[in-house]
Amino acid sequence: MSTKQRLIEFVEGLDEHSAQEILLIIENEAAPREPLTHEQLESIARGLAQSAAGKGIPHDDVFRRLLSE
């Protein structure tokens, strides 16, 4: 069975709400993306350097902060 045929069968088994959610995900992933700006690339590089230097914030701390707001 081809990948497209498997995908069709999968989608046919979904209820309308689930199909709509999957479609939104697929459309978002397929949308053309703007290239990152020089400033965005520099910001990413700074963050990676800080993380490599041990100056990052642990994952659990970030989620605790986000959930407490």
C-alpha atoms as a PDB file:
ATOM      1  CA  MET A   1       0.000   0.000   0.000  1.00  0.00           C
ATOM      2  CA  SER A   2       1.401   3.433  -0.927  1.00  0.00           C
ATOM      3  CA  THR A   3       2.024   6.159   1.609  1.00  0.00           C
ATOM      4  CA  LYS A   4      -0.718   8.289   0.065  1.00  0.00           C
ATOM      5  CA  GLN A   5      -3.191   5.413   0.279  1.00  0.00           C
ATOM      6  CA  ARG A   6      -2.290   4.831   3.932  1.00  0.00           C
ATOM      7  CA  LEU A   7      -2.768   8.529   4.601  1.00  0.00           C
ATOM      8  CA  ILE A   8      -6.165   8.542   2.897  1.00  0.00           C
ATOM      9  CA  GLU A   9      -7.322   5.551   4.943  1.00  0.00           C
ATOM     10  CA  PHE A  10      -6.066   7.177   8.142  1.00  0.00           C
ATOM     11  CA  VAL A  11      -7.898  10.433   7.413  1.00  0.00           C
ATOM     12  CA  GLU A  12     -11.099   8.626   6.472  1.00  0.00           C
ATOM     13  CA  GLY A  13     -11.111   7.066   9.948  1.00  0.00           C
ATOM     14  CA  LEU A  14     -10.988  10.423  11.721  1.00  0.00           C
ATOM     15  CA  ASP A  15     -13.955  12.359  13.036  1.00  0.00           C
ATOM     16  CA  GLU A  16     -14.427  15.859  11.614  1.00  0.00           C
ATOM     17  CA  HIS A  17     -12.830  17.653  14.556  1.00  0.00           C
ATOM     18  CA  SER A  18      -9.690  15.483  14.510  1.00  0.00           C
ATOM     19  CA  ALA A  19      -9.414  15.826  10.727  1.00  0.00           C
ATOM     20  CA  GLN A  20      -9.588  19.612  11.059  1.00  0.00           C
ATOM     21  CA  GLU A  21      -6.835  19.637  13.702  1.00  0.00           C
ATOM     22  CA  ILE A  22      -4.577  17.413  11.581  1.00  0.00           C
ATOM     23  CA  LEU A  23      -5.198  19.594   8.526  1.00  0.00           C
ATOM     24  CA  LEU A  24      -4.195  22.737  10.444  1.00  0.00           C
ATOM     25  CA  ILE A  25      -0.958  21.062  11.541  1.00  0.00           C
ATOM     26  CA  ILE A  26      -0.152  19.927   7.997  1.00  0.00           C
ATOM     27  CA  GLU A  27      -0.939  23.336   6.519  1.00  0.00           C
ATOM     28  CA  ASN A  28       1.212  25.048   9.136  1.00  0.00           C
ATOM     29  CA  GLU A  29       4.152  22.735   8.470  1.00  0.00           C
ATOM     30  CA  ALA A  30       3.824  23.168   4.695  1.00  0.00           C
ATOM     31  CA  ALA A  31       3.587  26.970   4.816  1.00  0.00           C
ATOM     32  CA  PRO A  32       6.557  28.833   3.374  1.00  0.00           C
ATOM     33  CA  ARG A  33       8.793  30.276   6.041  1.00  0.00           C
ATOM     34  CA  GLU A  34      10.548  33.627   6.037  1.00  0.00           C
ATOM     35  CA  PRO A  35      14.317  33.279   6.415  1.00  0.00           C
ATOM     36  CA  LEU A  36      15.686  34.306   9.800  1.00  0.00           C
ATOM     37  CA  THR A  37      17.051  37.828  10.035  1.00  0.00           C
ATOM     38  CA  HIS A  38      20.662  38.566  10.962  1.00  0.00           C
ATOM     39  CA  GLU A  39      19.461  39.764  14.383  1.00  0.00           C
ATOM     40  CA  GLN A  40      17.500  36.553  14.987  1.00  0.00           C
ATOM     41  CA  LEU A  41      20.515  34.424  14.049  1.00  0.00           C
ATOM     42  CA  GLU A  42      22.717  36.456  16.415  1.00  0.00           C
ATOM     43  CA  SER A  43      20.186  36.018  19.214  1.00  0.00           C
ATOM     44  CA  ILE A  44      20.129  32.262  18.676  1.00  0.00           C
ATOM     45  CA  ALA A  45      23.940  32.154  18.681  1.00  0.00           C
ATOM     46  CA  ARG A  46      24.057  34.126  21.963  1.00  0.00           C
ATOM     47  CA  GLY A  47      21.567  31.759  23.557  1.00  0.00           C
ATOM     48  CA  LEU A  48      23.506  28.698  22.439  1.00  0.00           C
ATOM     49  CA  ALA A  49      26.751  30.206  23.737  1.00  0.00           C
ATOM     50  CA  GLN A  50      25.134  30.988  27.105  1.00  0.00           C
ATOM     51  CA  SER A  51      23.784  27.460  27.329  1.00  0.00           C
ATOM     52  CA  ALA A  52      27.183  25.969  26.454  1.00  0.00           C
ATOM     53  CA  ALA A  53      28.735  28.122  29.195  1.00  0.00           C
ATOM     54  CA  GLY A  54      26.267  26.701  31.724  1.00  0.00           C
ATOM     55  CA  LYS A  55      24.288  29.928  31.972  1.00  0.00           C
ATOM     56  CA  GLY A  56      21.009  28.463  30.707  1.00  0.00           C
ATOM     57  CA  ILE A  57      17.806  28.030  32.666  1.00  0.00           C
ATOM     58  CA  PRO A  58      16.871  24.395  33.372  1.00  0.00           C
ATOM     59  CA  HIS A  59      13.853  23.126  31.444  1.00  0.00           C
ATOM     60  CA  ASP A  60      11.843  22.405  34.602  1.00  0.00           C
ATOM     61  CA  ASP A  61      12.437  25.939  35.913  1.00  0.00           C
ATOM     62  CA  VAL A  62      11.182  27.455  32.666  1.00  0.00           C
ATOM     63  CA  PHE A  63       7.961  25.437  32.789  1.00  0.00           C
ATOM     64  CA  ARG A  64       7.456  26.227  36.471  1.00  0.00           C
ATOM     65  CA  ARG A  65       7.786  29.946  35.679  1.00  0.00           C
ATOM     66  CA  LEU A  66       5.424  29.731  32.718  1.00  0.00           C
ATOM     67  CA  LEU A  67       2.802  27.772  34.635  1.00  0.00           C
ATOM     68  CA  SER A  68       2.921  30.083  37.661  1.00  0.00           C
ATOM     69  CA  GLU A  69       2.010  33.170  35.596  1.00  0.00           C
END
